[in-house]
Amino acid sequence: MKYRLRAEFVSLSAFADALAEKGYFYEMSIFCHWQKGRRIPTKRTILITLVSVFIERGAMLTLQEANEFLESAGHGYLTVREQAMFSFSTSQILF
C-alpha cells in the first residue's frame, strides 16, 4: 500500500492506531491481507476514512490520487459531496 508508506506509518500497528482514532478497530492480520491485495475493504465508509487518514498525513495530495485509490478497490470515484470533505492540492507535483 503505497499511501501507507508515504504516510510514514512505521508499522502496521501504527496504521491500525490511526484507524482506531477514527473509530475502526481491526485485527492486525487483516492489514496483511489488505497489503497482499486479498480481502481489501469493501465498505466505502472505511475507504473514505483511509483517504482522510492519508490526506491528513500528507500521503495523498490530489483528487486524482484519491480517485485512483477508490477505483483500485472497485469503488469508482469520489462524489461531489465527498470531495467537499477534503482539501486537495491544485498544483501538479513534479518528480
PDB file of N, CA and C in Angstrom:
ATOM      1  N   MET A   1       0.854  -1.162   0.000  1.00  0.00           N
ATOM      2  CA  MET A   1       0.000   0.000   0.000  1.00  0.00           C
ATOM      3  C   MET A   1       0.908   1.236   0.000  1.00  0.00           C
ATOM      4  N   LYS A   2       1.035   1.846  -1.160  1.00  0.00           N
ATOM      5  CA  LYS A   2       1.977   2.959  -1.279  1.00  0.00           C
ATOM      6  C   LYS A   2       1.601   4.146  -0.407  1.00  0.00           C
ATOM      7  N   TYR A   3       0.317   4.378  -0.207  1.00  0.00           N
ATOM      8  CA  TYR A   3      -0.079   5.526   0.613  1.00  0.00           C
ATOM      9  C   TYR A   3       0.253   5.305   2.088  1.00  0.00           C
ATOM     10  N   ARG A   4       0.173   4.064   2.536  1.00  0.00           N
ATOM     11  CA  ARG A   4       0.562   3.775   3.918  1.00  0.00           C
ATOM     12  C   ARG A   4       2.042   4.088   4.111  1.00  0.00           C
ATOM     13  N   LEU A   5       2.841   3.738   3.143  1.00  0.00           N
ATOM     14  CA  LEU A   5       4.274   4.021   3.232  1.00  0.00           C
ATOM     15  C   LEU A   5       4.552   5.516   3.128  1.00  0.00           C
ATOM     16  N   ARG A   6       3.867   6.189   2.209  1.00  0.00           N
ATOM     17  CA  ARG A   6       4.027   7.644   2.091  1.00  0.00           C
ATOM     18  C   ARG A   6       3.614   8.361   3.369  1.00  0.00           C
ATOM     19  N   ALA A   7       2.620   7.806   4.064  1.00  0.00           N
ATOM     20  CA  ALA A   7       2.131   8.408   5.308  1.00  0.00           C
ATOM     21  C   ALA A   7       3.111   8.192   6.454  1.00  0.00           C
ATOM     22  N   GLU A   8       4.160   7.451   6.186  1.00  0.00           N
ATOM     23  CA  GLU A   8       5.235   7.185   7.136  1.00  0.00           C
ATOM     24  C   GLU A   8       4.753   6.464   8.390  1.00  0.00           C
ATOM     25  N   PHE A   9       3.836   5.517   8.190  1.00  0.00           N
ATOM     26  CA  PHE A   9       3.484   4.623   9.281  1.00  0.00           C
ATOM     27  C   PHE A   9       4.607   3.599   9.351  1.00  0.00           C
ATOM     28  N   VAL A  10       5.322   3.572  10.456  1.00  0.00           N
ATOM     29  CA  VAL A  10       6.489   2.706  10.564  1.00  0.00           C
ATOM     30  C   VAL A  10       6.112   1.248  10.740  1.00  0.00           C
ATOM     31  N   SER A  11       4.871   0.993  11.083  1.00  0.00           N
ATOM     32  CA  SER A  11       4.421  -0.387  11.261  1.00  0.00           C
ATOM     33  C   SER A  11       2.927  -0.474  10.985  1.00  0.00           C
ATOM     34  N   LEU A  12       2.472  -1.689  10.803  1.00  0.00           N
ATOM     35  CA  LEU A  12       1.036  -1.891  10.634  1.00  0.00           C
ATOM     36  C   LEU A  12       0.294  -1.532  11.912  1.00  0.00           C
ATOM     37  N   SER A  13       0.973  -1.671  13.025  1.00  0.00           N
ATOM     38  CA  SER A  13       0.371  -1.300  14.306  1.00  0.00           C
ATOM     39  C   SER A  13       0.080   0.196  14.355  1.00  0.00           C
ATOM     40  N   ALA A  14       1.000   1.006  13.863  1.00  0.00           N
ATOM     41  CA  ALA A  14       0.794   2.460  13.830  1.00  0.00           C
ATOM     42  C   ALA A  14      -0.368   2.803  12.886  1.00  0.00           C
ATOM     43  N   PHE A  15      -0.454   2.088  11.779  1.00  0.00           N
ATOM     44  CA  PHE A  15      -1.557   2.274  10.843  1.00  0.00           C
ATOM     45  C   PHE A  15      -2.882   1.910  11.516  1.00  0.00           C
ATOM     46  N   ALA A  16      -2.887   0.804  12.240  1.00  0.00           N
ATOM     47  CA  ALA A  16      -4.086   0.376  12.971  1.00  0.00           C
ATOM     48  C   ALA A  16      -4.484   1.413  14.015  1.00  0.00           C
ATOM     49  N   ASP A  17      -3.508   2.006  14.676  1.00  0.00           N
ATOM     50  CA  ASP A  17      -3.790   3.040  15.676  1.00  0.00           C
ATOM     51  C   ASP A  17      -4.477   4.252  15.036  1.00  0.00           C
ATOM     52  N   ALA A  18      -4.020   4.636  13.842  1.00  0.00           N
ATOM     53  CA  ALA A  18      -4.628   5.776  13.142  1.00  0.00           C
ATOM     54  C   ALA A  18      -6.087   5.479  12.794  1.00  0.00           C
ATOM     55  N   LEU A  19      -6.360   4.257  12.396  1.00  0.00           N
ATOM     56  CA  LEU A  19      -7.742   3.885  12.097  1.00  0.00           C
ATOM     57  C   LEU A  19      -8.574   3.796  13.372  1.00  0.00           C
ATOM     58  N   ALA A  20      -7.958   3.348  14.438  1.00  0.00           N
ATOM     59  CA  ALA A  20      -8.666   3.269  15.725  1.00  0.00           C
ATOM     60  C   ALA A  20      -9.086   4.659  16.188  1.00  0.00           C
ATOM     61  N   GLU A  21      -8.241   5.654  15.926  1.00  0.00           N
ATOM     62  CA  GLU A  21      -8.594   7.034  16.275  1.00  0.00           C
ATOM     63  C   GLU A  21      -9.834   7.504  15.521  1.00  0.00           C
ATOM     64  N   LYS A  22     -10.089   6.889  14.370  1.00  0.00           N
ATOM     65  CA  LYS A  22     -11.259   7.236  13.558  1.00  0.00           C
ATOM     66  C   LYS A  22     -12.451   6.327  13.873  1.00  0.00           C
ATOM     67  N   GLY A  23     -12.256   5.409  14.836  1.00  0.00           N
ATOM     68  CA  GLY A  23     -13.353   4.545  15.255  1.00  0.00           C
ATOM     69  C   GLY A  23     -13.405   3.178  14.595  1.00  0.00           C
ATOM     70  N   TYR A  24     -12.339   2.791  13.897  1.00  0.00           N
ATOM     71  CA  TYR A  24     -12.287   1.488  13.242  1.00  0.00           C
ATOM     72  C   TYR A  24     -11.254   0.621  13.931  1.00  0.00           C
ATOM     73  N   PHE A  25     -11.704  -0.550  14.368  1.00  0.00           N
ATOM     74  CA  PHE A  25     -10.823  -1.467  15.086  1.00  0.00           C
ATOM     75  C   PHE A  25     -10.779  -2.788  14.325  1.00  0.00           C
ATOM     76  N   TYR A  26      -9.575  -3.187  13.941  1.00  0.00           N
ATOM     77  CA  TYR A  26      -9.378  -4.408  13.179  1.00  0.00           C
ATOM     78  C   TYR A  26      -8.283  -5.249  13.812  1.00  0.00           C
ATOM     79  N   GLU A  27      -8.361  -6.556  13.554  1.00  0.00           N
ATOM     80  CA  GLU A  27      -7.276  -7.441  13.950  1.00  0.00           C
ATOM     81  C   GLU A  27      -6.091  -7.161  13.030  1.00  0.00           C
ATOM     82  N   MET A  28      -4.915  -7.304  13.567  1.00  0.00           N
ATOM     83  CA  MET A  28      -3.710  -6.981  12.788  1.00  0.00           C
ATOM     84  C   MET A  28      -3.598  -7.812  11.507  1.00  0.00           C
ATOM     85  N   SER A  29      -4.083  -9.029  11.517  1.00  0.00           N
ATOM     86  CA  SER A  29      -3.940  -9.894  10.345  1.00  0.00           C
ATOM     87  C   SER A  29      -4.655  -9.326   9.119  1.00  0.00           C
ATOM     88  N   ILE A  30      -5.702  -8.549   9.338  1.00  0.00           N
ATOM     89  CA  ILE A  30      -6.447  -8.001   8.203  1.00  0.00           C
ATOM     90  C   ILE A  30      -5.575  -7.059   7.368  1.00  0.00           C
ATOM     91  N   PHE A  31      -4.659  -6.344   8.016  1.00  0.00           N
ATOM     92  CA  PHE A  31      -3.799  -5.409   7.292  1.00  0.00           C
ATOM     93  C   PHE A  31      -2.830  -6.142   6.367  1.00  0.00           C
ATOM     94  N   CYS A  32      -2.376  -7.305   6.778  1.00  0.00           N
ATOM     95  CA  CYS A  32      -1.518  -8.117   5.912  1.00  0.00           C
ATOM     96  C   CYS A  32      -2.290  -8.547   4.671  1.00  0.00           C
ATOM     97  N   HIS A  33      -3.554  -8.926   4.868  1.00  0.00           N
ATOM     98  CA  HIS A  33      -4.382  -9.313   3.720  1.00  0.00           C
ATOM     99  C   HIS A  33      -4.595  -8.127   2.785  1.00  0.00           C
ATOM    100  N   TRP A  34      -4.827  -6.939   3.364  1.00  0.00           N
ATOM    101  CA  TRP A  34      -5.010  -5.740   2.539  1.00  0.00           C
ATOM    102  C   TRP A  34      -3.767  -5.475   1.710  1.00  0.00           C
ATOM    103  N   GLN A  35      -2.594  -5.569   2.331  1.00  0.00           N
ATOM    104  CA  GLN A  35      -1.341  -5.279   1.619  1.00  0.00           C
ATOM    105  C   GLN A  35      -1.100  -6.243   0.471  1.00  0.00           C
ATOM    106  N   LYS A  36      -1.532  -7.482   0.643  1.00  0.00           N
ATOM    107  CA  LYS A  36      -1.316  -8.501  -0.380  1.00  0.00           C
ATOM    108  C   LYS A  36      -2.407  -8.484  -1.450  1.00  0.00           C
ATOM    109  N   GLY A  37      -3.406  -7.587  -1.281  1.00  0.00           N
ATOM    110  CA  GLY A  37      -4.461  -7.480  -2.270  1.00  0.00           C
ATOM    111  C   GLY A  37      -5.592  -8.467  -2.070  1.00  0.00           C
ATOM    112  N   ARG A  38      -5.579  -9.157  -0.946  1.00  0.00           N
ATOM    113  CA  ARG A  38      -6.665 -10.078  -0.625  1.00  0.00           C
ATOM    114  C   ARG A  38      -7.522  -9.428   0.453  1.00  0.00           C
ATOM    115  N   ARG A  39      -8.807  -9.676   0.370  1.00  0.00           N
ATOM    116  CA  ARG A  39      -9.741  -9.159   1.367  1.00  0.00           C
ATOM    117  C   ARG A  39      -9.615  -7.647   1.547  1.00  0.00           C
ATOM    118  N   ILE A  40      -9.541  -6.952   0.423  1.00  0.00           N
ATOM    119  CA  ILE A  40      -9.475  -5.494   0.501  1.00  0.00           C
ATOM    120  C   ILE A  40     -10.787  -4.960   1.060  1.00  0.00           C
ATOM    121  N   PRO A  41     -10.764  -3.806   1.667  1.00  0.00           N
ATOM    122  CA  PRO A  41     -12.004  -3.262   2.236  1.00  0.00           C
ATOM    123  C   PRO A  41     -13.087  -3.135   1.174  1.00  0.00           C
ATOM    124  N   THR A  42     -14.292  -3.494   1.561  1.00  0.00           N
ATOM    125  CA  THR A  42     -15.408  -3.417   0.618  1.00  0.00           C
ATOM    126  C   THR A  42     -16.399  -2.314   0.976  1.00  0.00           C
ATOM    127  N   LYS A  43     -16.326  -1.813   2.184  1.00  0.00           N
ATOM    128  CA  LYS A  43     -17.238  -0.745   2.590  1.00  0.00           C
ATOM    129  C   LYS A  43     -16.650   0.607   2.208  1.00  0.00           C
ATOM    130  N   ARG A  44     -17.443   1.387   1.522  1.00  0.00           N
ATOM    131  CA  ARG A  44     -16.985   2.702   1.077  1.00  0.00           C
ATOM    132  C   ARG A  44     -16.601   3.596   2.259  1.00  0.00           C
ATOM    133  N   THR A  45     -17.307   3.461   3.377  1.00  0.00           N
ATOM    134  CA  THR A  45     -17.014   4.319   4.538  1.00  0.00           C
ATOM    135  C   THR A  45     -15.584   4.122   5.030  1.00  0.00           C
ATOM    136  N   ILE A  46     -15.108   2.902   5.060  1.00  0.00           N
ATOM    137  CA  ILE A  46     -13.722   2.676   5.503  1.00  0.00           C
ATOM    138  C   ILE A  46     -12.748   3.212   4.461  1.00  0.00           C
ATOM    139  N   LEU A  47     -13.076   3.079   3.196  1.00  0.00           N
ATOM    140  CA  LEU A  47     -12.195   3.609   2.146  1.00  0.00           C
ATOM    141  C   LEU A  47     -12.103   5.131   2.223  1.00  0.00           C
ATOM    142  N   ILE A  48     -13.224   5.785   2.478  1.00  0.00           N
ATOM    143  CA  ILE A  48     -13.221   7.243   2.617  1.00  0.00           C
ATOM    144  C   ILE A  48     -12.422   7.631   3.863  1.00  0.00           C
ATOM    145  N   THR A  49     -12.532   6.845   4.914  1.00  0.00           N
ATOM    146  CA  THR A  49     -11.734   7.102   6.116  1.00  0.00           C
ATOM    147  C   THR A  49     -10.254   6.948   5.820  1.00  0.00           C
ATOM    148  N   LEU A  50      -9.897   5.945   5.039  1.00  0.00           N
ATOM    149  CA  LEU A  50      -8.492   5.764   4.660  1.00  0.00           C
ATOM    150  C   LEU A  50      -8.002   6.964   3.851  1.00  0.00           C
ATOM    151  N   VAL A  51      -8.819   7.440   2.925  1.00  0.00           N
ATOM    152  CA  VAL A  51      -8.467   8.641   2.161  1.00  0.00           C
ATOM    153  C   VAL A  51      -8.210   9.788   3.131  1.00  0.00           C
ATOM    154  N   SER A  52      -9.081   9.951   4.102  1.00  0.00           N
ATOM    155  CA  SER A  52      -8.939  11.013   5.097  1.00  0.00           C
ATOM    156  C   SER A  52      -7.624  10.901   5.857  1.00  0.00           C
ATOM    157  N   VAL A  53      -7.304   9.700   6.308  1.00  0.00           N
ATOM    158  CA  VAL A  53      -6.047   9.475   7.041  1.00  0.00           C
ATOM    159  C   VAL A  53      -4.856   9.803   6.157  1.00  0.00           C
ATOM    160  N   PHE A  54      -4.887   9.367   4.914  1.00  0.00           N
ATOM    161  CA  PHE A  54      -3.757   9.608   4.019  1.00  0.00           C
ATOM    162  C   PHE A  54      -3.606  11.086   3.688  1.00  0.00           C
ATOM    163  N   ILE A  55      -4.711  11.794   3.553  1.00  0.00           N
ATOM    164  CA  ILE A  55      -4.643  13.237   3.304  1.00  0.00           C
ATOM    165  C   ILE A  55      -4.062  13.947   4.519  1.00  0.00           C
ATOM    166  N   GLU A  56      -4.546  13.595   5.710  1.00  0.00           N
ATOM    167  CA  GLU A  56      -4.053  14.210   6.944  1.00  0.00           C
ATOM    168  C   GLU A  56      -2.553  13.998   7.121  1.00  0.00           C
ATOM    169  N   ARG A  57      -2.058  12.861   6.689  1.00  0.00           N
ATOM    170  CA  ARG A  57      -0.638  12.534   6.851  1.00  0.00           C
ATOM    171  C   ARG A  57       0.216  13.006   5.672  1.00  0.00           C
ATOM    172  N   GLY A  58      -0.407  13.652   4.688  1.00  0.00           N
ATOM    173  CA  GLY A  58       0.335  14.162   3.542  1.00  0.00           C
ATOM    174  C   GLY A  58       0.731  13.105   2.531  1.00  0.00           C
ATOM    175  N   ALA A  59       0.117  11.942   2.611  1.00  0.00           N
ATOM    176  CA  ALA A  59       0.452  10.854   1.696  1.00  0.00           C
ATOM    177  C   ALA A  59      -0.369  10.903   0.413  1.00  0.00           C
ATOM    178  N   MET A  60      -1.518  11.537   0.476  1.00  0.00           N
ATOM    179  CA  MET A  60      -2.397  11.665  -0.677  1.00  0.00           C
ATOM    180  C   MET A  60      -2.669  13.163  -0.835  1.00  0.00           C
ATOM    181  N   LEU A  61      -2.312  13.702  -1.994  1.00  0.00           N
ATOM    182  CA  LEU A  61      -2.373  15.151  -2.166  1.00  0.00           C
ATOM    183  C   LEU A  61      -3.396  15.628  -3.185  1.00  0.00           C
ATOM    184  N   THR A  62      -3.736  14.776  -4.127  1.00  0.00           N
ATOM    185  CA  THR A  62      -4.594  15.232  -5.219  1.00  0.00           C
ATOM    186  C   THR A  62      -5.879  14.416  -5.310  1.00  0.00           C
ATOM    187  N   LEU A  63      -6.863  15.016  -5.940  1.00  0.00           N
ATOM    188  CA  LEU A  63      -8.120  14.337  -6.203  1.00  0.00           C
ATOM    189  C   LEU A  63      -7.871  13.097  -7.062  1.00  0.00           C
ATOM    190  N   GLN A  64      -6.969  13.205  -8.001  1.00  0.00           N
ATOM    191  CA  GLN A  64      -6.655  12.077  -8.875  1.00  0.00           C
ATOM    192  C   GLN A  64      -6.144  10.885  -8.060  1.00  0.00           C
ATOM    193  N   GLU A  65      -5.293  11.139  -7.068  1.00  0.00           N
ATOM    194  CA  GLU A  65      -4.790  10.046  -6.233  1.00  0.00           C
ATOM    195  C   GLU A  65      -5.923   9.396  -5.443  1.00  0.00           C
ATOM    196  N   ALA A  66      -6.804  10.201  -4.898  1.00  0.00           N
ATOM    197  CA  ALA A  66      -7.941   9.660  -4.145  1.00  0.00           C
ATOM    198  C   ALA A  66      -8.823   8.810  -5.055  1.00  0.00           C
ATOM    199  N   ASN A  67      -9.086   9.305  -6.244  1.00  0.00           N
ATOM    200  CA  ASN A  67      -9.916   8.556  -7.183  1.00  0.00           C
ATOM    201  C   ASN A  67      -9.244   7.263  -7.636  1.00  0.00           C
ATOM    202  N   GLU A  68      -7.946   7.295  -7.852  1.00  0.00           N
ATOM    203  CA  GLU A  68      -7.212   6.084  -8.230  1.00  0.00           C
ATOM    204  C   GLU A  68      -7.290   5.052  -7.106  1.00  0.00           C
ATOM    205  N   PHE A  69      -7.164   5.521  -5.869  1.00  0.00           N
ATOM    206  CA  PHE A  69      -7.243   4.646  -4.709  1.00  0.00           C
ATOM    207  C   PHE A  69      -8.614   3.970  -4.644  1.00  0.00           C
ATOM    208  N   LEU A  70      -9.676   4.760  -4.754  1.00  0.00           N
ATOM    209  CA  LEU A  70     -11.029   4.200  -4.708  1.00  0.00           C
ATOM    210  C   LEU A  70     -11.292   3.261  -5.884  1.00  0.00           C
ATOM    211  N   GLU A  71     -10.840   3.672  -7.055  1.00  0.00           N
ATOM    212  CA  GLU A  71     -11.052   2.847  -8.235  1.00  0.00           C
ATOM    213  C   GLU A  71     -10.345   1.499  -8.098  1.00  0.00           C
ATOM    214  N   SER A  72      -9.161   1.492  -7.504  1.00  0.00           N
ATOM    215  CA  SER A  72      -8.423   0.240  -7.338  1.00  0.00           C
ATOM    216  C   SER A  72      -9.145  -0.728  -6.407  1.00  0.00           C
ATOM    217  N   ALA A  73     -10.011  -0.195  -5.557  1.00  0.00           N
ATOM    218  CA  ALA A  73     -10.802  -1.033  -4.644  1.00  0.00           C
ATOM    219  C   ALA A  73     -12.191  -1.313  -5.212  1.00  0.00           C
ATOM    220  N   GLY A  74     -12.420  -0.891  -6.452  1.00  0.00           N
ATOM    221  CA  GLY A  74     -13.704  -1.143  -7.096  1.00  0.00           C
ATOM    222  C   GLY A  74     -14.822  -0.216  -6.651  1.00  0.00           C
ATOM    223  N   HIS A  75     -14.459   0.999  -6.220  1.00  0.00           N
ATOM    224  CA  HIS A  75     -15.467   1.940  -5.721  1.00  0.00           C
ATOM    225  C   HIS A  75     -15.524   3.239  -6.512  1.00  0.00           C
ATOM    226  N   GLY A  76     -15.124   3.199  -7.753  1.00  0.00           N
ATOM    227  CA  GLY A  76     -15.275   4.373  -8.610  1.00  0.00           C
ATOM    228  C   GLY A  76     -14.509   5.589  -8.131  1.00  0.00           C
ATOM    229  N   TYR A  77     -15.193   6.713  -8.072  1.00  0.00           N
ATOM    230  CA  TYR A  77     -14.567   7.987  -7.760  1.00  0.00           C
ATOM    231  C   TYR A  77     -15.280   8.676  -6.614  1.00  0.00           C
ATOM    232  N   LEU A  78     -14.631   9.700  -6.059  1.00  0.00           N
ATOM    233  CA  LEU A  78     -15.268  10.498  -5.020  1.00  0.00           C
ATOM    234  C   LEU A  78     -16.449  11.252  -5.615  1.00  0.00           C
ATOM    235  N   THR A  79     -17.532  11.301  -4.882  1.00  0.00           N
ATOM    236  CA  THR A  79     -18.680  12.098  -5.300  1.00  0.00           C
ATOM    237  C   THR A  79     -18.381  13.566  -5.013  1.00  0.00           C
ATOM    238  N   VAL A  80     -19.196  14.452  -5.525  1.00  0.00           N
ATOM    239  CA  VAL A  80     -19.022  15.877  -5.264  1.00  0.00           C
ATOM    240  C   VAL A  80     -19.111  16.142  -3.760  1.00  0.00           C
ATOM    241  N   ARG A  81     -20.042  15.495  -3.096  1.00  0.00           N
ATOM    242  CA  ARG A  81     -20.198  15.659  -1.641  1.00  0.00           C
ATOM    243  C   ARG A  81     -18.944  15.173  -0.896  1.00  0.00           C
ATOM    244  N   GLU A  82     -18.402  14.038  -1.317  1.00  0.00           N
ATOM    245  CA  GLU A  82     -17.180  13.511  -0.677  1.00  0.00           C
ATOM    246  C   GLU A  82     -15.993  14.433  -0.949  1.00  0.00           C
ATOM    247  N   GLN A  83     -15.900  14.947  -2.156  1.00  0.00           N
ATOM    248  CA  GLN A  83     -14.796  15.854  -2.492  1.00  0.00           C
ATOM    249  C   GLN A  83     -14.807  17.070  -1.589  1.00  0.00           C
ATOM    250  N   ALA A  84     -15.980  17.549  -1.238  1.00  0.00           N
ATOM    251  CA  ALA A  84     -16.108  18.741  -0.397  1.00  0.00           C
ATOM    252  C   ALA A  84     -15.584  18.499   1.017  1.00  0.00           C
ATOM    253  N   MET A  85     -15.444  17.248   1.407  1.00  0.00           N
ATOM    254  CA  MET A  85     -14.937  16.907   2.742  1.00  0.00           C
ATOM    255  C   MET A  85     -13.427  17.105   2.855  1.00  0.00           C
ATOM    256  N   PHE A  86     -12.743  17.178   1.725  1.00  0.00           N
ATOM    257  CA  PHE A  86     -11.292  17.189   1.710  1.00  0.00           C
ATOM    258  C   PHE A  86     -10.730  18.431   1.023  1.00  0.00           C
ATOM    259  N   SER A  87      -9.485  18.735   1.358  1.00  0.00           N
ATOM    260  CA  SER A  87      -8.754  19.798   0.671  1.00  0.00           C
ATOM    261  C   SER A  87      -7.624  19.141  -0.123  1.00  0.00           C
ATOM    262  N   PHE A  88      -7.716  19.251  -1.420  1.00  0.00           N
ATOM    263  CA  PHE A  88      -6.698  18.679  -2.279  1.00  0.00           C
ATOM    264  C   PHE A  88      -5.826  19.778  -2.854  1.00  0.00           C
ATOM    265  N   SER A  89      -4.586  19.416  -3.145  1.00  0.00           N
ATOM    266  CA  SER A  89      -3.662  20.331  -3.797  1.00  0.00           C
ATOM    267  C   SER A  89      -4.134  20.515  -5.230  1.00  0.00           C
ATOM    268  N   THR A  90      -4.070  21.750  -5.698  1.00  0.00           N
ATOM    269  CA  THR A  90      -4.473  22.017  -7.081  1.00  0.00           C
ATOM    270  C   THR A  90      -3.274  22.067  -8.017  1.00  0.00           C
ATOM    271  N   SER A  91      -2.074  22.080  -7.459  1.00  0.00           N
ATOM    272  CA  SER A  91      -0.882  22.115  -8.303  1.00  0.00           C
ATOM    273  C   SER A  91      -0.373  20.709  -8.559  1.00  0.00           C
ATOM    274  N   GLN A  92       0.268  20.535  -9.685  1.00  0.00           N
ATOM    275  CA  GLN A  92       0.855  19.253 -10.029  1.00  0.00           C
ATOM    276  C   GLN A  92       2.169  19.086  -9.269  1.00  0.00           C
ATOM    277  N   ILE A  93       2.411  17.874  -8.847  1.00  0.00           N
ATOM    278  CA  ILE A  93       3.675  17.559  -8.178  1.00  0.00           C
ATOM    279  C   ILE A  93       4.595  16.934  -9.208  1.00  0.00           C
ATOM    280  N   LEU A  94       5.732  17.539  -9.403  1.00  0.00           N
ATOM    281  CA  LEU A  94       6.692  17.025 -10.367  1.00  0.00           C
ATOM    282  C   LEU A  94       7.799  16.275  -9.651  1.00  0.00           C
ATOM    283  N   PHE A  95       8.122  15.128 -10.175  1.00  0.00           N
ATOM    284  CA  PHE A  95       9.185  14.313  -9.587  1.00  0.00           C
ATOM    285  C   PHE A  95      10.387  14.321 -10.468  1.00  0.00           C
TER     286      PHE A  95
END
